[in-house]
């Protein structure tokens, strides 16, 4: 009986981490951004959308910082490579997880 309860506690704990990890300002801590799957997913999405409408084929590297904006919108500072050369970009992504909605609002060189 202890194993199912322990599994439930573990699932609940990780669920709280994922939900609580979507607010606030990210960055500054060594490795704190790379460990957040949520931010990595948003960063990869922003680069993939940019690649669809641009002549450049960027390769996502990492999310440097994320600031929450009103309305479930996130301003990401992303590091991506263009032809092997790393650059920093700013992307604004609207993400509504309850209805599985994502939209790239803007993407520009920082």
PDB file of N, CA and C in Angstrom:
ATOM      1  N   UNK A   1       0.820  -1.198   0.000  1.00  0.00           N
ATOM      2  CA  UNK A   1       0.000   0.000   0.000  1.00  0.00           C
ATOM      3  C   UNK A   1       0.859   1.254   0.000  1.00  0.00           C
ATOM      4  N   UNK A   2       2.048   1.174   0.514  1.00  0.00           N
ATOM      5  CA  UNK A   2       2.904   2.358   0.581  1.00  0.00           C
ATOM      6  C   UNK A   2       3.377   2.790  -0.808  1.00  0.00           C
ATOM      7  N   UNK A   3       3.553   1.850  -1.712  1.00  0.00           N
ATOM      8  CA  UNK A   3       4.049   2.204  -3.037  1.00  0.00           C
ATOM      9  C   UNK A   3       3.051   3.057  -3.826  1.00  0.00           C
ATOM     10  N   UNK A   4       1.758   2.701  -3.915  1.00  0.00           N
ATOM     11  CA  UNK A   4       0.832   3.557  -4.650  1.00  0.00           C
ATOM     12  C   UNK A   4       0.722   4.965  -4.045  1.00  0.00           C
ATOM     13  N   UNK A   5       0.749   5.050  -2.718  1.00  0.00           N
ATOM     14  CA  UNK A   5       0.681   6.363  -2.072  1.00  0.00           C
ATOM     15  C   UNK A   5       1.929   7.172  -2.404  1.00  0.00           C
ATOM     16  N   UNK A   6       3.077   6.526  -2.373  1.00  0.00           N
ATOM     17  CA  UNK A   6       4.327   7.208  -2.698  1.00  0.00           C
ATOM     18  C   UNK A   6       4.327   7.673  -4.145  1.00  0.00           C
ATOM     19  N   UNK A   7       3.770   6.864  -5.054  1.00  0.00           N
ATOM     20  CA  UNK A   7       3.677   7.245  -6.456  1.00  0.00           C
ATOM     21  C   UNK A   7       2.752   8.449  -6.619  1.00  0.00           C
ATOM     22  N   UNK A   8       1.634   8.455  -5.910  1.00  0.00           N
ATOM     23  CA  UNK A   8       0.693   9.572  -5.959  1.00  0.00           C
ATOM     24  C   UNK A   8       1.338  10.849  -5.453  1.00  0.00           C
ATOM     25  N   UNK A   9       2.082  10.753  -4.363  1.00  0.00           N
ATOM     26  CA  UNK A   9       2.766  11.919  -3.814  1.00  0.00           C
ATOM     27  C   UNK A   9       3.798  12.428  -4.809  1.00  0.00           C
ATOM     28  N   UNK A  10       4.535  11.519  -5.453  1.00  0.00           N
ATOM     29  CA  UNK A  10       5.540  11.911  -6.436  1.00  0.00           C
ATOM     30  C   UNK A  10       4.888  12.606  -7.625  1.00  0.00           C
ATOM     31  N   UNK A  11       3.800  12.044  -8.143  1.00  0.00           N
ATOM     32  CA  UNK A  11       3.100  12.645  -9.274  1.00  0.00           C
ATOM     33  C   UNK A  11       2.568  14.020  -8.892  1.00  0.00           C
ATOM     34  N   UNK A  12       1.979  14.129  -7.717  1.00  0.00           N
ATOM     35  CA  UNK A  12       1.454  15.409  -7.247  1.00  0.00           C
ATOM     36  C   UNK A  12       2.578  16.425  -7.098  1.00  0.00           C
ATOM     37  N   UNK A  13       3.697  16.003  -6.531  1.00  0.00           N
ATOM     38  CA  UNK A  13       4.841  16.888  -6.338  1.00  0.00           C
ATOM     39  C   UNK A  13       5.344  17.416  -7.673  1.00  0.00           C
ATOM     40  N   UNK A  14       5.541  16.539  -8.657  1.00  0.00           N
ATOM     41  CA  UNK A  14       6.031  16.990  -9.951  1.00  0.00           C
ATOM     42  C   UNK A  14       4.990  17.831 -10.675  1.00  0.00           C
ATOM     43  N   UNK A  15       3.728  17.537 -10.488  1.00  0.00           N
ATOM     44  CA  UNK A  15       2.676  18.357 -11.076  1.00  0.00           C
ATOM     45  C   UNK A  15       2.709  19.765 -10.524  1.00  0.00           C
ATOM     46  N   UNK A  16       2.950  19.892  -9.240  1.00  0.00           N
ATOM     47  CA  UNK A  16       3.041  21.211  -8.616  1.00  0.00           C
ATOM     48  C   UNK A  16       4.256  21.948  -9.144  1.00  0.00           C
ATOM     49  N   UNK A  17       5.368  21.259  -9.334  1.00  0.00           N
ATOM     50  CA  UNK A  17       6.565  21.901  -9.883  1.00  0.00           C
ATOM     51  C   UNK A  17       6.289  22.420 -11.283  1.00  0.00           C
ATOM     52  N   UNK A  18       5.642  21.612 -12.120  1.00  0.00           N
ATOM     53  CA  UNK A  18       5.369  22.041 -13.488  1.00  0.00           C
ATOM     54  C   UNK A  18       4.415  23.222 -13.511  1.00  0.00           C
ATOM     55  N   UNK A  19       3.391  23.188 -12.682  1.00  0.00           N
ATOM     56  CA  UNK A  19       2.424  24.277 -12.668  1.00  0.00           C
ATOM     57  C   UNK A  19       3.040  25.525 -12.058  1.00  0.00           C
ATOM     58  N   UNK A  20       3.788  25.377 -10.974  1.00  0.00           N
ATOM     59  CA  UNK A  20       4.368  26.556 -10.341  1.00  0.00           C
ATOM     60  C   UNK A  20       5.533  27.094 -11.149  1.00  0.00           C
ATOM     61  N   UNK A  21       6.110  26.302 -12.029  1.00  0.00           N
ATOM     62  CA  UNK A  21       7.241  26.756 -12.822  1.00  0.00           C
ATOM     63  C   UNK A  21       6.866  27.643 -13.981  1.00  0.00           C
ATOM     64  N   UNK A  22       5.591  27.953 -14.161  1.00  0.00           N
ATOM     65  CA  UNK A  22       5.191  28.749 -15.313  1.00  0.00           C
ATOM     66  C   UNK A  22       4.998  30.222 -14.986  1.00  0.00           C
ATOM     67  N   UNK A  23       5.268  30.630 -13.769  1.00  0.00           N
ATOM     68  CA  UNK A  23       5.099  32.040 -13.460  1.00  0.00           C
ATOM     69  C   UNK A  23       6.390  32.612 -12.913  1.00  0.00           C
ATOM     70  N   UNK A  24       6.518  33.907 -13.016  1.00  0.00           N
ATOM     71  CA  UNK A  24       7.695  34.568 -12.478  1.00  0.00           C
ATOM     72  C   UNK A  24       8.735  34.829 -13.549  1.00  0.00           C
ATOM     73  N   UNK A  25       9.879  35.314 -13.106  1.00  0.00           N
ATOM     74  CA  UNK A  25      10.980  35.599 -14.006  1.00  0.00           C
ATOM     75  C   UNK A  25      12.003  34.499 -13.878  1.00  0.00           C
ATOM     76  N   UNK A  26      12.478  34.016 -15.010  1.00  0.00           N
ATOM     77  CA  UNK A  26      13.422  32.919 -15.021  1.00  0.00           C
ATOM     78  C   UNK A  26      14.775  33.439 -15.456  1.00  0.00           C
ATOM     79  N   UNK A  27      15.794  32.736 -15.055  1.00  0.00           N
ATOM     80  CA  UNK A  27      17.148  33.123 -15.446  1.00  0.00           C
ATOM     81  C   UNK A  27      17.937  33.507 -14.217  1.00  0.00           C
ATOM     82  N   UNK A  28      19.200  33.694 -14.408  1.00  0.00           N
ATOM     83  CA  UNK A  28      20.042  34.125 -13.315  1.00  0.00           C
ATOM     84  C   UNK A  28      20.679  32.968 -12.573  1.00  0.00           C
ATOM     85  N   UNK A  29      19.962  31.929 -12.301  1.00  0.00           N
ATOM     86  CA  UNK A  29      20.516  30.790 -11.594  1.00  0.00           C
ATOM     87  C   UNK A  29      21.220  29.859 -12.560  1.00  0.00           C
ATOM     88  N   UNK A  30      22.323  29.308 -12.119  1.00  0.00           N
ATOM     89  CA  UNK A  30      23.088  28.422 -12.988  1.00  0.00           C
ATOM     90  C   UNK A  30      22.290  27.171 -13.293  1.00  0.00           C
ATOM     91  N   UNK A  31      21.929  26.985 -14.546  1.00  0.00           N
ATOM     92  CA  UNK A  31      21.226  25.789 -14.973  1.00  0.00           C
ATOM     93  C   UNK A  31      19.744  25.774 -14.662  1.00  0.00           C
ATOM     94  N   UNK A  32      19.203  26.834 -14.048  1.00  0.00           N
ATOM     95  CA  UNK A  32      17.799  26.802 -13.652  1.00  0.00           C
ATOM     96  C   UNK A  32      16.878  26.797 -14.867  1.00  0.00           C
ATOM     97  N   UNK A  33      17.261  27.467 -15.932  1.00  0.00           N
ATOM     98  CA  UNK A  33      16.397  27.563 -17.106  1.00  0.00           C
ATOM     99  C   UNK A  33      16.423  26.262 -17.898  1.00  0.00           C
ATOM    100  N   UNK A  34      17.617  25.672 -18.090  1.00  0.00           N
ATOM    101  CA  UNK A  34      17.707  24.450 -18.888  1.00  0.00           C
ATOM    102  C   UNK A  34      16.909  23.304 -18.274  1.00  0.00           C
ATOM    103  N   UNK A  35      16.727  23.320 -16.967  1.00  0.00           N
ATOM    104  CA  UNK A  35      16.035  22.221 -16.287  1.00  0.00           C
ATOM    105  C   UNK A  35      14.523  22.342 -16.374  1.00  0.00           C
ATOM    106  N   UNK A  36      14.028  23.442 -16.854  1.00  0.00           N
ATOM    107  CA  UNK A  36      12.582  23.646 -16.921  1.00  0.00           C
ATOM    108  C   UNK A  36      12.073  23.224 -18.291  1.00  0.00           C
ATOM    109  N   UNK A  37      11.439  22.075 -18.331  1.00  0.00           N
ATOM    110  CA  UNK A  37      10.945  21.515 -19.585  1.00  0.00           C
ATOM    111  C   UNK A  37       9.948  22.444 -20.263  1.00  0.00           C
ATOM    112  N   UNK A  38       9.128  23.076 -19.481  1.00  0.00           N
ATOM    113  CA  UNK A  38       8.095  23.971 -19.998  1.00  0.00           C
ATOM    114  C   UNK A  38       8.709  25.086 -20.838  1.00  0.00           C
ATOM    115  N   UNK A  39       9.745  25.713 -20.318  1.00  0.00           N
ATOM    116  CA  UNK A  39      10.378  26.813 -21.036  1.00  0.00           C
ATOM    117  C   UNK A  39      11.112  26.316 -22.271  1.00  0.00           C
ATOM    118  N   UNK A  40      11.728  25.170 -22.168  1.00  0.00           N
ATOM    119  CA  UNK A  40      12.415  24.599 -23.330  1.00  0.00           C
ATOM    120  C   UNK A  40      11.415  24.330 -24.451  1.00  0.00           C
ATOM    121  N   UNK A  41      10.263  23.792 -24.086  1.00  0.00           N
ATOM    122  CA  UNK A  41       9.223  23.515 -25.074  1.00  0.00           C
ATOM    123  C   UNK A  41       8.748  24.804 -25.754  1.00  0.00           C
ATOM    124  N   UNK A  42       8.536  25.858 -24.972  1.00  0.00           N
ATOM    125  CA  UNK A  42       8.110  27.135 -25.553  1.00  0.00           C
ATOM    126  C   UNK A  42       9.198  27.729 -26.448  1.00  0.00           C
ATOM    127  N   UNK A  43      10.441  27.623 -26.028  1.00  0.00           N
ATOM    128  CA  UNK A  43      11.546  28.129 -26.837  1.00  0.00           C
ATOM    129  C   UNK A  43      11.688  27.384 -28.151  1.00  0.00           C
ATOM    130  N   UNK A  44      11.586  26.059 -28.099  1.00  0.00           N
ATOM    131  CA  UNK A  44      11.660  25.257 -29.324  1.00  0.00           C
ATOM    132  C   UNK A  44      10.497  25.590 -30.259  1.00  0.00           C
ATOM    133  N   UNK A  45       9.316  25.805 -29.684  1.00  0.00           N
ATOM    134  CA  UNK A  45       8.144  26.158 -30.475  1.00  0.00           C
ATOM    135  C   UNK A  45       8.363  27.497 -31.188  1.00  0.00           C
ATOM    136  N   UNK A  46       8.888  28.488 -30.466  1.00  0.00           N
ATOM    137  CA  UNK A  46       9.118  29.813 -31.045  1.00  0.00           C
ATOM    138  C   UNK A  46      10.098  29.736 -32.209  1.00  0.00           C
ATOM    139  N   UNK A  47      11.180  28.986 -32.046  1.00  0.00           N
ATOM    140  CA  UNK A  47      12.171  28.855 -33.115  1.00  0.00           C
ATOM    141  C   UNK A  47      11.576  28.106 -34.307  1.00  0.00           C
ATOM    142  N   UNK A  48      10.818  27.049 -34.057  1.00  0.00           N
ATOM    143  CA  UNK A  48      10.201  26.273 -35.142  1.00  0.00           C
ATOM    144  C   UNK A  48       9.221  27.140 -35.941  1.00  0.00           C
ATOM    145  N   UNK A  49       8.409  27.946 -35.253  1.00  0.00           N
ATOM    146  CA  UNK A  49       7.471  28.840 -35.949  1.00  0.00           C
ATOM    147  C   UNK A  49       8.222  29.882 -36.758  1.00  0.00           C
ATOM    148  N   UNK A  50       9.271  30.438 -36.184  1.00  0.00           N
ATOM    149  CA  UNK A  50      10.081  31.427 -36.904  1.00  0.00           C
ATOM    150  C   UNK A  50      10.683  30.807 -38.163  1.00  0.00           C
ATOM    151  N   UNK A  51      11.163  29.580 -38.061  1.00  0.00           N
ATOM    152  CA  UNK A  51      11.769  28.901 -39.209  1.00  0.00           C
ATOM    153  C   UNK A  51      10.762  28.685 -40.342  1.00  0.00           C
ATOM    154  N   UNK A  52       9.493  28.506 -39.997  1.00  0.00           N
ATOM    155  CA  UNK A  52       8.467  28.288 -41.022  1.00  0.00           C
ATOM    156  C   UNK A  52       8.233  29.522 -41.891  1.00  0.00           C
ATOM    157  N   UNK A  53       8.396  30.706 -41.317  1.00  0.00           N
ATOM    158  CA  UNK A  53       8.080  31.929 -42.050  1.00  0.00           C
ATOM    159  C   UNK A  53       9.314  32.744 -42.431  1.00  0.00           C
ATOM    160  N   UNK A  54      10.497  32.223 -42.168  1.00  0.00           N
ATOM    161  CA  UNK A  54      11.719  32.983 -42.399  1.00  0.00           C
ATOM    162  C   UNK A  54      12.657  32.247 -43.344  1.00  0.00           C
ATOM    163  N   UNK A  55      13.600  32.989 -43.901  1.00  0.00           N
ATOM    164  CA  UNK A  55      14.616  32.375 -44.758  1.00  0.00           C
ATOM    165  C   UNK A  55      15.697  31.711 -43.928  1.00  0.00           C
ATOM    166  N   UNK A  56      15.808  32.088 -42.675  1.00  0.00           N
ATOM    167  CA  UNK A  56      16.824  31.528 -41.789  1.00  0.00           C
ATOM    168  C   UNK A  56      16.341  30.217 -41.193  1.00  0.00           C
ATOM    169  N   UNK A  57      17.236  29.297 -41.025  1.00  0.00           N
ATOM    170  CA  UNK A  57      16.918  28.050 -40.340  1.00  0.00           C
ATOM    171  C   UNK A  57      17.715  28.023 -39.036  1.00  0.00           C
ATOM    172  N   UNK A  58      17.078  28.540 -37.990  1.00  0.00           N
ATOM    173  CA  UNK A  58      17.726  28.611 -36.692  1.00  0.00           C
ATOM    174  C   UNK A  58      17.682  27.258 -35.994  1.00  0.00           C
ATOM    175  N   UNK A  59      18.662  27.020 -35.159  1.00  0.00           N
ATOM    176  CA  UNK A  59      18.704  25.826 -34.313  1.00  0.00           C
ATOM    177  C   UNK A  59      18.588  26.280 -32.866  1.00  0.00           C
ATOM    178  N   UNK A  60      17.535  25.831 -32.199  1.00  0.00           N
ATOM    179  CA  UNK A  60      17.313  26.206 -30.801  1.00  0.00           C
ATOM    180  C   UNK A  60      18.471  25.703 -29.944  1.00  0.00           C
ATOM    181  N   UNK A  61      18.944  26.562 -29.026  1.00  0.00           N
ATOM    182  CA  UNK A  61      19.981  26.157 -28.085  1.00  0.00           C
ATOM    183  C   UNK A  61      19.472  26.166 -26.654  1.00  0.00           C
ATOM    184  N   UNK A  62      18.954  27.317 -26.196  1.00  0.00           N
ATOM    185  CA  UNK A  62      18.423  27.371 -24.829  1.00  0.00           C
ATOM    186  C   UNK A  62      17.603  28.633 -24.619  1.00  0.00           C
ATOM    187  N   UNK A  63      16.806  28.595 -23.558  1.00  0.00           N
ATOM    188  CA  UNK A  63      16.072  29.773 -23.104  1.00  0.00           C
ATOM    189  C   UNK A  63      16.932  30.429 -22.035  1.00  0.00           C
ATOM    190  N   UNK A  64      17.226  31.695 -22.227  1.00  0.00           N
ATOM    191  CA  UNK A  64      18.063  32.420 -21.275  1.00  0.00           C
ATOM    192  C   UNK A  64      17.211  33.016 -20.161  1.00  0.00           C
ATOM    193  N   UNK A  65      16.044  33.571 -20.534  1.00  0.00           N
ATOM    194  CA  UNK A  65      15.176  34.217 -19.559  1.00  0.00           C
ATOM    195  C   UNK A  65      13.742  34.173 -20.054  1.00  0.00           C
ATOM    196  N   UNK A  66      12.804  34.190 -19.114  1.00  0.00           N
ATOM    197  CA  UNK A  66      11.385  34.246 -19.459  1.00  0.00           C
ATOM    198  C   UNK A  66      10.682  35.186 -18.492  1.00  0.00           C
ATOM    199  N   UNK A  67       9.968  36.156 -19.055  1.00  0.00           N
ATOM    200  CA  UNK A  67       9.149  37.067 -18.252  1.00  0.00           C
ATOM    201  C   UNK A  67       7.697  36.820 -18.610  1.00  0.00           C
ATOM    202  N   UNK A  68       6.862  36.693 -17.589  1.00  0.00           N
ATOM    203  CA  UNK A  68       5.430  36.514 -17.831  1.00  0.00           C
ATOM    204  C   UNK A  68       4.789  37.863 -18.117  1.00  0.00           C
ATOM    205  N   UNK A  69       3.937  37.874 -19.119  1.00  0.00           N
ATOM    206  CA  UNK A  69       3.167  39.054 -19.475  1.00  0.00           C
ATOM    207  C   UNK A  69       1.698  38.733 -19.216  1.00  0.00           C
ATOM    208  N   UNK A  70       0.826  39.731 -19.186  1.00  0.00           N
ATOM    209  CA  UNK A  70      -0.605  39.450 -18.954  1.00  0.00           C
ATOM    210  C   UNK A  70      -1.195  38.533 -20.026  1.00  0.00           C
ATOM    211  N   UNK A  71      -2.148  37.723 -19.624  1.00  0.00           N
ATOM    212  CA  UNK A  71      -2.881  36.883 -20.568  1.00  0.00           C
ATOM    213  C   UNK A  71      -2.167  35.622 -20.991  1.00  0.00           C
ATOM    214  N   UNK A  72      -1.432  34.981 -20.088  1.00  0.00           N
ATOM    215  CA  UNK A  72      -0.707  33.734 -20.377  1.00  0.00           C
ATOM    216  C   UNK A  72       0.276  33.898 -21.533  1.00  0.00           C
ATOM    217  N   UNK A  73       0.878  35.065 -21.598  1.00  0.00           N
ATOM    218  CA  UNK A  73       1.859  35.358 -22.634  1.00  0.00           C
ATOM    219  C   UNK A  73       3.227  35.443 -21.984  1.00  0.00           C
ATOM    220  N   UNK A  74       4.224  34.902 -22.679  1.00  0.00           N
ATOM    221  CA  UNK A  74       5.579  34.845 -22.143  1.00  0.00           C
ATOM    222  C   UNK A  74       6.552  35.523 -23.095  1.00  0.00           C
ATOM    223  N   UNK A  75       7.407  36.366 -22.548  1.00  0.00           N
ATOM    224  CA  UNK A  75       8.472  36.993 -23.332  1.00  0.00           C
ATOM    225  C   UNK A  75       9.750  36.193 -23.055  1.00  0.00           C
ATOM    226  N   UNK A  76      10.214  35.499 -24.085  1.00  0.00           N
ATOM    227  CA  UNK A  76      11.380  34.636 -23.943  1.00  0.00           C
ATOM    228  C   UNK A  76      12.609  35.288 -24.545  1.00  0.00           C
ATOM    229  N   UNK A  77      13.721  35.168 -23.858  1.00  0.00           N
ATOM    230  CA  UNK A  77      15.017  35.511 -24.437  1.00  0.00           C
ATOM    231  C   UNK A  77      15.659  34.170 -24.765  1.00  0.00           C
ATOM    232  N   UNK A  78      15.906  33.943 -26.056  1.00  0.00           N
ATOM    233  CA  UNK A  78      16.321  32.633 -26.559  1.00  0.00           C
ATOM    234  C   UNK A  78      17.699  32.742 -27.200  1.00  0.00           C
ATOM    235  N   UNK A  79      18.502  31.717 -26.993  1.00  0.00           N
ATOM    236  CA  UNK A  79      19.764  31.601 -27.719  1.00  0.00           C
ATOM    237  C   UNK A  79      19.561  30.552 -28.798  1.00  0.00           C
ATOM    238  N   UNK A  80      19.848  30.931 -30.049  1.00  0.00           N
ATOM    239  CA  UNK A  80      19.696  30.019 -31.178  1.00  0.00           C
ATOM    240  C   UNK A  80      20.854  30.244 -32.145  1.00  0.00           C
ATOM    241  N   UNK A  81      21.195  29.193 -32.869  1.00  0.00           N
ATOM    242  CA  UNK A  81      22.304  29.267 -33.819  1.00  0.00           C
ATOM    243  C   UNK A  81      21.766  29.452 -35.231  1.00  0.00           C
ATOM    244  N   UNK A  82      22.414  30.335 -35.966  1.00  0.00           N
ATOM    245  CA  UNK A  82      22.099  30.563 -37.369  1.00  0.00           C
ATOM    246  C   UNK A  82      23.372  30.262 -38.151  1.00  0.00           C
ATOM    247  N   UNK A  83      23.407  29.113 -38.812  1.00  0.00           N
ATOM    248  CA  UNK A  83      24.611  28.717 -39.544  1.00  0.00           C
ATOM    249  C   UNK A  83      25.791  28.453 -38.630  1.00  0.00           C
ATOM    250  N   UNK A  84      25.534  27.973 -37.436  1.00  0.00           N
ATOM    251  CA  UNK A  84      26.596  27.668 -36.488  1.00  0.00           C
ATOM    252  C   UNK A  84      27.007  28.829 -35.600  1.00  0.00           C
ATOM    253  N   UNK A  85      26.471  30.025 -35.854  1.00  0.00           N
ATOM    254  CA  UNK A  85      26.798  31.203 -35.051  1.00  0.00           C
ATOM    255  C   UNK A  85      25.631  31.497 -34.105  1.00  0.00           C
ATOM    256  N   UNK A  86      25.928  31.579 -32.817  1.00  0.00           N
ATOM    257  CA  UNK A  86      24.880  31.817 -31.819  1.00  0.00           C
ATOM    258  C   UNK A  86      24.479  33.284 -31.769  1.00  0.00           C
ATOM    259  N   UNK A  87      23.165  33.499 -31.644  1.00  0.00           N
ATOM    260  CA  UNK A  87      22.610  34.833 -31.499  1.00  0.00           C
ATOM    261  C   UNK A  87      21.542  34.774 -30.412  1.00  0.00           C
ATOM    262  N   UNK A  88      21.202  35.936 -29.888  1.00  0.00           N
ATOM    263  CA  UNK A  88      20.144  36.037 -28.885  1.00  0.00           C
ATOM    264  C   UNK A  88      18.915  36.668 -29.538  1.00  0.00           C
ATOM    265  N   UNK A  89      17.769  36.057 -29.295  1.00  0.00           N
ATOM    266  CA  UNK A  89      16.509  36.513 -29.877  1.00  0.00           C
ATOM    267  C   UNK A  89      15.489  36.741 -28.772  1.00  0.00           C
ATOM    268  N   UNK A  90      14.532  37.617 -29.044  1.00  0.00           N
ATOM    269  CA  UNK A  90      13.400  37.820 -28.145  1.00  0.00           C
ATOM    270  C   UNK A  90      12.143  37.324 -28.845  1.00  0.00           C
ATOM    271  N   UNK A  91      11.408  36.479 -28.166  1.00  0.00           N
ATOM    272  CA  UNK A  91      10.163  35.940 -28.719  1.00  0.00           C
ATOM    273  C   UNK A  91       9.046  36.152 -27.704  1.00  0.00           C
ATOM    274  N   UNK A  92       7.866  36.433 -28.208  1.00  0.00           N
ATOM    275  CA  UNK A  92       6.679  36.524 -27.363  1.00  0.00           C
ATOM    276  C   UNK A  92       5.740  35.409 -27.813  1.00  0.00           C
ATOM    277  N   UNK A  93       5.388  34.537 -26.863  1.00  0.00           N
ATOM    278  CA  UNK A  93       4.541  33.384 -27.155  1.00  0.00           C
ATOM    279  C   UNK A  93       3.330  33.406 -26.241  1.00  0.00           C
ATOM    280  N   UNK A  94       2.155  33.241 -26.824  1.00  0.00           N
ATOM    281  CA  UNK A  94       0.928  33.084 -26.051  1.00  0.00           C
ATOM    282  C   UNK A  94       0.682  31.580 -25.914  1.00  0.00           C
ATOM    283  N   UNK A  95       0.510  31.116 -24.684  1.00  0.00           N
ATOM    284  CA  UNK A  95       0.322  29.680 -24.452  1.00  0.00           C
ATOM    285  C   UNK A  95      -0.797  29.471 -23.452  1.00  0.00           C
ATOM    286  N   UNK A  96      -1.839  28.763 -23.902  1.00  0.00           N
ATOM    287  CA  UNK A  96      -2.975  28.420 -23.042  1.00  0.00           C
ATOM    288  C   UNK A  96      -3.055  26.897 -22.962  1.00  0.00           C
ATOM    289  N   UNK A  97      -2.426  26.311 -21.949  1.00  0.00           N
ATOM    290  CA  UNK A  97      -2.322  24.857 -21.893  1.00  0.00           C
ATOM    291  C   UNK A  97      -3.656  24.125 -21.759  1.00  0.00           C
ATOM    292  N   UNK A  98      -4.643  24.740 -21.141  1.00  0.00           N
ATOM    293  CA  UNK A  98      -5.913  24.048 -20.946  1.00  0.00           C
ATOM    294  C   UNK A  98      -6.645  23.781 -22.251  1.00  0.00           C
ATOM    295  N   UNK A  99      -6.423  24.621 -23.244  1.00  0.00           N
ATOM    296  CA  UNK A  99      -7.075  24.403 -24.541  1.00  0.00           C
ATOM    297  C   UNK A  99      -6.062  24.060 -25.636  1.00  0.00           C
ATOM    298  N   UNK A 100      -4.828  23.721 -25.219  1.00  0.00           N
ATOM    299  CA  UNK A 100      -3.768  23.324 -26.157  1.00  0.00           C
ATOM    300  C   UNK A 100      -3.553  24.377 -27.253  1.00  0.00           C
ATOM    301  N   UNK A 101      -3.430  25.636 -26.845  1.00  0.00           N
ATOM    302  CA  UNK A 101      -3.285  26.744 -27.782  1.00  0.00           C
ATOM    303  C   UNK A 101      -1.920  27.395 -27.603  1.00  0.00           C
ATOM    304  N   UNK A 102      -1.172  27.523 -28.702  1.00  0.00           N
ATOM    305  CA  UNK A 102       0.107  28.233 -28.706  1.00  0.00           C
ATOM    306  C   UNK A 102       0.133  29.132 -29.934  1.00  0.00           C
ATOM    307  N   UNK A 103       0.683  30.329 -29.763  1.00  0.00           N
ATOM    308  CA  UNK A 103       0.822  31.225 -30.910  1.00  0.00           C
ATOM    309  C   UNK A 103       2.059  32.095 -30.694  1.00  0.00           C
ATOM    310  N   UNK A 104       2.887  32.162 -31.727  1.00  0.00           N
ATOM    311  CA  UNK A 104       4.047  33.038 -31.715  1.00  0.00           C
ATOM    312  C   UNK A 104       3.569  34.443 -32.078  1.00  0.00           C
ATOM    313  N   UNK A 105       3.734  35.379 -31.168  1.00  0.00           N
ATOM    314  CA  UNK A 105       3.284  36.761 -31.374  1.00  0.00           C
ATOM    315  C   UNK A 105       4.384  37.558 -32.093  1.00  0.00           C
ATOM    316  N   UNK A 106       5.616  37.432 -31.616  1.00  0.00           N
ATOM    317  CA  UNK A 106       6.726  38.142 -32.261  1.00  0.00           C
ATOM    318  C   UNK A 106       8.025  37.374 -32.051  1.00  0.00           C
ATOM    319  N   UNK A 107       8.982  37.623 -32.943  1.00  0.00           N
ATOM    320  CA  UNK A 107      10.294  36.988 -32.876  1.00  0.00           C
ATOM    321  C   UNK A 107      11.288  37.942 -33.526  1.00  0.00           C
ATOM    322  N   UNK A 108      12.282  38.391 -32.761  1.00  0.00           N
ATOM    323  CA  UNK A 108      13.261  39.335 -33.332  1.00  0.00           C
ATOM    324  C   UNK A 108      14.626  39.148 -32.683  1.00  0.00           C
ATOM    325  N   UNK A 109      15.622  39.640 -33.366  1.00  0.00           N
ATOM    326  CA  UNK A 109      16.989  39.622 -32.862  1.00  0.00           C
ATOM    327  C   UNK A 109      17.063  40.586 -31.684  1.00  0.00           C
ATOM    328  N   UNK A 110      17.650  40.129 -30.598  1.00  0.00           N
ATOM    329  CA  UNK A 110      17.726  40.978 -29.384  1.00  0.00           C
ATOM    330  C   UNK A 110      18.861  41.971 -29.479  1.00  0.00           C
TER     331      UNK A 110
END
